[in-house]
Protein backbone atom coordinates (compact mmCIF):
# COMPACT_ATOMS: atom_id res chain seq x y z
CA MET A 1 112.87 71.53 94.77
CA ARG A 2 116.66 73.66 95.97
CA PRO A 3 117.29 76.63 93.94
CA PRO A 4 120.52 75.96 91.57
CA PRO A 5 123.48 77.77 93.81
CA VAL A 6 124.64 80.76 93.17
CA VAL A 7 127.88 82.27 93.75
CA PRO A 8 128.93 85.91 94.28
CA LEU A 9 129.47 87.90 91.41
CA VAL A 10 132.01 90.84 91.10
CA ALA A 11 130.76 93.84 89.43
CA GLY A 12 132.07 92.72 85.80
CA SER A 13 130.16 89.38 85.82
CA LEU A 14 127.31 91.17 87.35
CA LEU A 15 126.53 93.56 84.80
CA ALA A 16 126.72 90.29 82.70
CA ARG A 17 124.09 88.47 84.16
CA LEU A 18 121.76 91.38 84.59
CA ARG A 19 122.29 92.20 80.35
CA GLY A 20 122.24 88.48 79.68
CA ASP A 21 125.28 88.91 77.96
CA GLY A 22 125.56 86.12 75.32
CA LEU A 23 122.12 85.92 74.71
CA ASP A 24 119.72 87.44 72.29
CA ARG A 25 116.78 89.79 73.54
CA PRO A 26 113.55 88.32 73.14
CA PRO A 27 111.61 89.58 70.37
CA VAL A 28 108.07 91.68 71.92
CA ASP A 29 104.71 89.51 71.09
CA PRO A 30 102.51 92.94 70.07
CA GLY A 31 99.51 90.67 71.29
CA LEU A 32 101.14 88.84 74.26
CA ALA A 33 100.35 91.80 76.46
CA GLY A 34 96.46 92.80 75.21
CA GLY A 35 96.12 88.73 75.65
CA LEU A 36 97.32 88.03 79.11
CA ARG A 37 95.00 91.16 79.99
CA ASP A 38 91.85 89.93 78.39
CA TRP A 39 92.58 86.50 80.44
CA LEU A 40 92.45 88.40 83.79
CA GLU A 41 89.84 90.11 82.95
CA ASP A 42 87.48 87.54 81.97
CA GLY A 43 88.78 85.73 85.12
CA LEU A 44 88.33 87.98 87.29
CA ALA A 45 84.86 89.80 85.80
CA GLY A 46 82.49 87.78 88.24
CA PRO A 47 84.19 87.46 91.44
CA ALA A 48 85.30 91.56 91.47
CA GLY A 49 81.28 91.54 90.93
CA ASP A 50 80.44 89.95 93.83
CA VAL A 51 82.85 92.69 96.15
CA PHE A 52 80.84 94.86 98.90
CA ASP A 53 81.70 98.79 97.38
CA HIS A 54 82.81 99.82 100.69
CA ASN A 55 85.39 97.26 100.00
CA LEU A 56 86.39 98.69 96.60
CA PRO A 57 88.83 98.36 95.24
CA VAL A 58 90.93 94.94 95.78
CA ARG A 59 94.31 95.72 95.96
CA VAL A 60 96.97 92.69 95.22
CA SER A 61 100.30 93.20 95.97
CA LYS A 62 103.11 90.57 96.16
CA LYS A 63 102.64 89.83 99.97
CA GLY A 64 98.80 89.53 99.49
CA LEU A 65 99.24 87.51 96.93
CA SER A 66 101.59 85.40 99.46
CA GLN A 67 99.52 85.54 101.94
CA VAL A 68 96.53 84.29 100.73
CA VAL A 69 97.21 81.96 98.70
CA THR A 70 99.01 79.91 101.60
CA CYS A 71 96.07 80.67 104.04
CA GLU A 72 93.58 82.97 104.18
CA ALA A 73 93.01 83.34 107.47
CA GLN A 74 96.75 83.94 108.36
CA LEU A 75 95.85 86.71 106.09
CA VAL A 76 92.87 88.23 107.57
CA ALA A 77 94.76 87.80 111.25
CA ASP A 78 97.53 89.98 110.25
CA ARG A 79 95.76 93.06 108.78
CA GLU A 80 93.41 93.01 111.97
CA VAL A 81 96.68 92.60 113.78
CA PRO A 82 99.75 93.94 111.62
CA ALA A 83 103.03 93.09 112.66
CA GLY A 84 105.81 95.91 114.37
CA VAL A 85 109.16 96.51 113.07
CA THR A 86 112.04 93.91 114.03
CA PRO A 87 115.28 93.73 113.58
CA GLU A 88 115.37 91.78 110.63
CA LEU A 89 112.55 94.31 109.05
CA ALA A 90 114.36 97.06 109.97
CA ARG A 91 117.62 95.75 108.70
CA GLY A 92 116.08 95.30 105.46
CA SER A 93 114.67 98.71 105.24
CA LEU A 94 118.04 100.43 106.20
CA VAL A 95 119.97 97.99 103.51
CA ASP A 96 116.96 99.19 100.89
CA ALA A 97 117.51 102.72 101.35
CA LEU A 98 121.76 102.54 101.14
CA PHE A 99 120.75 100.44 98.00
CA ARG A 100 118.58 103.06 96.46
CA GLN A 101 121.44 105.77 97.70
CA TRP A 102 124.31 103.86 95.94
CA VAL A 103 122.68 103.58 92.53
CA THR A 104 122.17 106.65 92.39
CA VAL A 105 124.93 108.57 93.98
CA GLY A 106 127.45 106.26 94.08
CA VAL A 107 128.59 107.21 97.88
CA VAL A 108 128.02 106.17 100.99
CA GLU A 109 129.71 107.61 103.86
CA ASP A 110 127.38 107.01 106.98
CA PRO A 111 125.31 103.57 106.26
CA VAL A 112 123.08 104.04 109.27
CA GLY A 113 123.08 107.61 109.07
CA ASP A 114 122.37 108.44 105.72
CA ALA A 115 119.82 105.61 105.60
CA LEU A 116 117.84 106.67 108.60
CA ALA A 117 117.71 110.32 106.93
CA ALA A 118 116.59 108.84 104.09
CA LEU A 119 113.56 106.99 105.74
CA ALA A 120 112.97 110.07 108.12
CA ALA A 121 112.58 112.41 104.43
CA GLU A 122 110.53 109.83 103.16
CA GLY A 123 108.09 110.20 106.31
CA ASP A 124 109.58 106.66 108.14
CA ARG A 125 106.36 104.98 106.91
CA ASP A 126 107.07 101.63 108.08
CA GLY A 127 108.34 102.96 111.22
CA THR A 128 112.00 101.76 111.14
CA VAL A 129 113.42 105.13 111.99
CA ALA A 130 111.32 105.16 115.64
CA PHE A 131 112.20 100.97 116.24
CA VAL A 132 115.97 101.99 115.39
CA VAL A 133 116.08 105.08 117.98
CA GLY A 134 114.35 103.20 120.50
CA LEU A 135 117.31 100.44 120.26
CA ASP A 136 119.23 100.06 123.23
CA PRO A 137 122.87 100.84 122.71
CA GLY A 138 123.79 97.50 122.50
CA GLU A 139 121.28 96.45 120.10
CA ARG A 140 121.69 99.61 117.92
CA ALA A 141 125.59 98.62 117.75
CA GLY A 142 124.74 95.30 116.52
CA LEU A 143 122.09 96.48 114.06
CA ALA A 144 124.85 98.76 113.07
CA ALA A 145 127.60 96.09 112.41
CA GLU A 146 125.07 93.63 110.12
CA VAL A 147 123.98 97.12 108.00
CA THR A 148 127.89 98.34 108.08
CA ALA A 149 129.13 94.44 106.61
CA HIS A 150 125.69 94.63 104.27
CA THR A 151 127.14 97.95 102.91
CA ALA A 152 130.29 97.19 102.33
CA VAL A 153 129.41 94.02 100.27
CA VAL A 154 126.96 96.28 97.94
CA THR A 155 129.22 99.00 97.72
CA GLY A 156 132.69 96.64 96.66
CA GLY A 157 130.44 94.36 94.02
CA TRP A 158 127.27 95.94 92.83
CA PRO A 159 128.72 98.74 89.93
CA VAL A 160 127.21 102.14 89.78
CA PRO A 161 124.34 101.96 86.98
CA SER A 162 125.39 104.72 83.55
CA PRO A 163 122.88 107.02 83.13
CA ALA A 164 122.32 105.59 79.49
CA TRP A 165 120.73 102.42 81.49
CA LEU A 166 118.07 104.71 82.73
CA PRO A 167 118.17 103.33 86.29
CA ARG A 168 114.80 103.94 88.29
CA THR A 169 114.46 102.78 91.98
CA GLN A 170 111.40 102.10 93.96
CA GLU A 171 109.57 102.10 90.53
CA ARG A 172 105.79 101.39 91.31
CA LEU A 173 103.63 99.30 88.99
CA VAL A 174 100.22 99.65 89.07
CA VAL A 175 97.58 97.63 86.83
CA PRO A 176 93.92 98.42 87.77
CA LEU A 177 91.57 95.65 86.21
CA VAL A 178 87.58 95.15 85.52
CA GLY A 179 86.97 98.71 85.85
CA GLY A 180 89.16 99.46 88.87
CA ARG A 181 87.39 97.16 90.62
CA ILE A 182 90.76 94.87 90.96
CA VAL A 183 94.23 96.98 91.44
CA LEU A 184 97.38 95.17 91.00
CA SER A 185 100.38 96.85 92.23
CA GLY A 186 104.32 96.47 93.28
CA VAL A 187 107.34 98.59 93.84
CA VAL A 188 109.76 97.15 92.06
CA ASP A 189 113.55 98.33 93.95
CA LEU A 190 115.18 98.84 90.70
CA ALA A 191 114.37 98.91 87.26
CA LEU A 192 116.55 99.12 84.15
CA GLY A 193 116.44 99.68 80.83
CA ASP A 194 114.66 101.58 77.67
CA PRO A 195 110.96 101.10 77.06
CA ALA A 196 110.89 98.23 74.97
CA GLY A 197 110.63 98.70 71.09
CA GLU A 198 110.46 95.70 69.36
CA SER A 199 112.99 93.25 71.82
CA ALA A 200 112.59 93.14 75.62
CA SER A 201 114.91 95.55 77.20
CA VAL A 202 113.72 96.01 80.66
CA CYS A 203 115.48 94.34 83.87
CA LEU A 204 113.91 94.45 87.50
CA VAL A 205 115.97 93.80 90.40
CA GLU A 206 114.52 93.36 93.71
CA VAL A 207 117.22 93.32 97.07
CA LYS A 208 117.08 91.13 99.84
CA SER A 209 118.92 91.64 102.83
CA GLY A 210 118.14 88.24 104.43
CA ARG A 211 118.42 84.47 103.25
CA ARG A 212 117.36 83.10 100.12
CA ARG A 213 114.29 81.86 100.01
CA ALA A 214 111.75 80.15 97.26
CA GLU A 215 108.67 83.24 97.52
CA HIS A 216 111.70 85.86 96.25
CA ARG A 217 111.19 84.29 92.22
CA ALA A 218 107.48 84.31 92.40
CA ASP A 219 107.46 88.23 93.72
CA LEU A 220 110.02 88.64 90.58
CA HIS A 221 107.36 86.66 88.61
CA PHE A 222 104.03 88.92 89.23
CA TYR A 223 106.20 91.86 88.53
CA ALA A 224 107.84 90.87 85.07
CA LEU A 225 103.44 90.02 84.78
CA LEU A 226 102.65 93.44 86.01
CA GLU A 227 105.34 95.41 83.82
CA THR A 228 104.16 93.23 80.90
CA LEU A 229 100.79 94.48 81.53
CA ARG A 230 101.83 98.19 81.96
CA SER A 231 103.97 98.70 78.63
CA GLY A 232 102.91 96.19 76.62
CA ALA A 233 106.39 94.17 76.86
CA PRO A 234 107.67 91.95 79.31
CA PRO A 235 111.12 92.18 80.10
CA PHE A 236 114.13 90.55 79.51
CA ARG A 237 115.08 89.64 82.93
CA VAL A 238 114.52 89.93 86.44
CA ALA A 239 117.17 89.19 89.45
CA THR A 240 117.32 88.79 93.38
CA TYR A 241 119.99 90.23 94.45
CA TYR A 242 121.20 89.51 98.08
CA THR A 243 123.15 92.04 99.71
CA GLY A 244 124.93 89.50 102.29
CA THR A 245 125.93 87.36 100.37
CA GLY A 246 126.55 89.26 96.59
CA GLU A 247 124.57 86.45 95.36
CA LEU A 248 122.63 87.24 92.20
CA ASP A 249 119.99 85.02 91.19
CA ALA A 250 118.58 85.85 87.54
CA GLU A 251 116.12 85.02 85.14
CA ALA A 252 114.94 85.55 81.73
CA VAL A 253 111.12 86.05 81.27
CA PRO A 254 110.26 83.40 78.64
CA GLU A 255 106.08 83.42 77.75
CA GLU A 256 105.12 80.65 80.55
CA LEU A 257 106.44 81.79 83.17
CA LEU A 258 104.42 84.85 82.69
CA VAL A 259 101.26 82.52 82.24
CA SER A 260 102.41 80.50 85.59
CA ALA A 261 102.58 84.41 87.20
CA LEU A 262 98.92 85.05 85.53
CA GLU A 263 97.27 81.65 87.35
CA ARG A 264 98.91 82.26 90.77
CA VAL A 265 97.37 86.06 90.85
CA LEU A 266 93.49 84.36 89.09
CA VAL A 267 93.70 81.78 92.02
CA ALA A 268 94.72 84.91 94.53
CA ALA A 269 92.74 87.70 93.56
CA SER A 270 89.20 85.52 93.39
CA ARG A 271 90.09 84.82 96.96
CA LEU A 272 90.45 88.48 98.04
CA CYS A 273 87.38 89.21 96.60
CA ARG A 274 85.73 86.70 98.27
CA LEU A 275 86.90 87.83 101.37
CA ALA A 276 85.87 91.33 100.44
CA SER A 277 82.51 89.52 99.95
CA GLY A 278 81.84 88.78 103.66
CA ALA A 279 82.70 84.99 103.03
CA GLU A 280 84.29 82.82 106.41
CA PRO A 281 88.17 82.68 105.18
CA ALA A 282 90.15 79.73 104.68
CA ARG A 283 91.97 77.53 107.08
CA SER A 284 95.07 75.92 105.67
CA PRO A 285 97.99 74.77 108.13
CA ASN A 286 101.17 75.50 106.40
CA PRO A 287 104.38 76.20 108.41
CA GLU A 288 104.12 79.82 109.54
CA CYS A 289 101.31 78.43 111.58
CA SER A 290 103.19 78.73 114.78
CA TRP A 291 104.20 82.48 114.53
CA CYS A 292 99.60 83.42 113.46
CA GLY A 293 97.79 85.50 115.51
CA ALA A 294 94.62 83.22 114.81
CA LEU A 295 96.43 80.39 116.11
CA PRO A 296 94.66 80.34 119.16
CA GLY A 297 91.27 80.07 117.74
CA CYS A 298 92.31 77.65 114.96
CA GLY A 299 92.05 73.83 115.00
CA PRO A 300 93.56 72.68 111.74
CA GLY A 301 96.45 75.54 112.72
CA LEU A 302 96.70 73.36 116.68
CA ALA A 303 96.54 70.19 115.39
CA ARG A 304 99.05 70.94 112.71
CA VAL A 305 101.61 72.80 115.95
CA GLY A 306 100.58 70.00 117.96
CA ASN A 307 102.40 67.31 115.65
CA PRO A 308 105.78 67.33 114.93
CA GLU A 309 105.68 64.81 112.09
CA ALA A 310 103.45 67.68 110.33
CA ARG A 311 105.82 70.31 110.63
């Protein structure tokens, strides 16, 4: 089922959506986070106990979670031959850096130059700077035009948050489980709000430069679960901001959302533990088969790619 349409918002209405104006902040259930953690600990104790010590800890990120529930063989193939930087990934890294600059400083003078400088200062961890420097002039100009257009959307529609909102960029969420044998982790583009007291008060925001995808909500639900486990209280709101259009997809965080996210983590973490215990990865044909590095030796994947009705 397609998500509901989302329209671009001006600064005032965007802030209202983030704050949930007109909606009551849900009260914090003091037993919720502990109950969710106990559920995870009980469900993962067995799988974590089977993992070879040299493969510990088993790390569960949003990417690994999504990949392992889609196809275990594809996850293993991607680990063996990591994907390189593409123009789309470079655009995303550059726009993310500019969003952080806008939120924290409120000024962007040279979109591509500012973003490259920020990524270089961070050590160019994903190779974006080297990739952009290596582009031919025409490709670099095309990428610069895209980044500049996304920057105009951000600076024209996203308000610089007040310090009273306690804005935190690149907020790291880490939750160890089963004595540290399993570690759930993620990095949220932007977190807003004071630590929760009697009412939920934190809003988590992810920034995307590409088109809307259903899995973006699943990623946010995972982060909502991490925040709940880490702080003892769920966020009151999670949102995805699309820099290409100015759209904001925001939703509340009821208990059933957290339970659904937890059940997904249980499945994914159990599979990751099984792989870390030496098991053969399962092959699950899916729409990504055509781009999988394991495709040449994968019977189910070749069958899907060769069957137009299965696409």
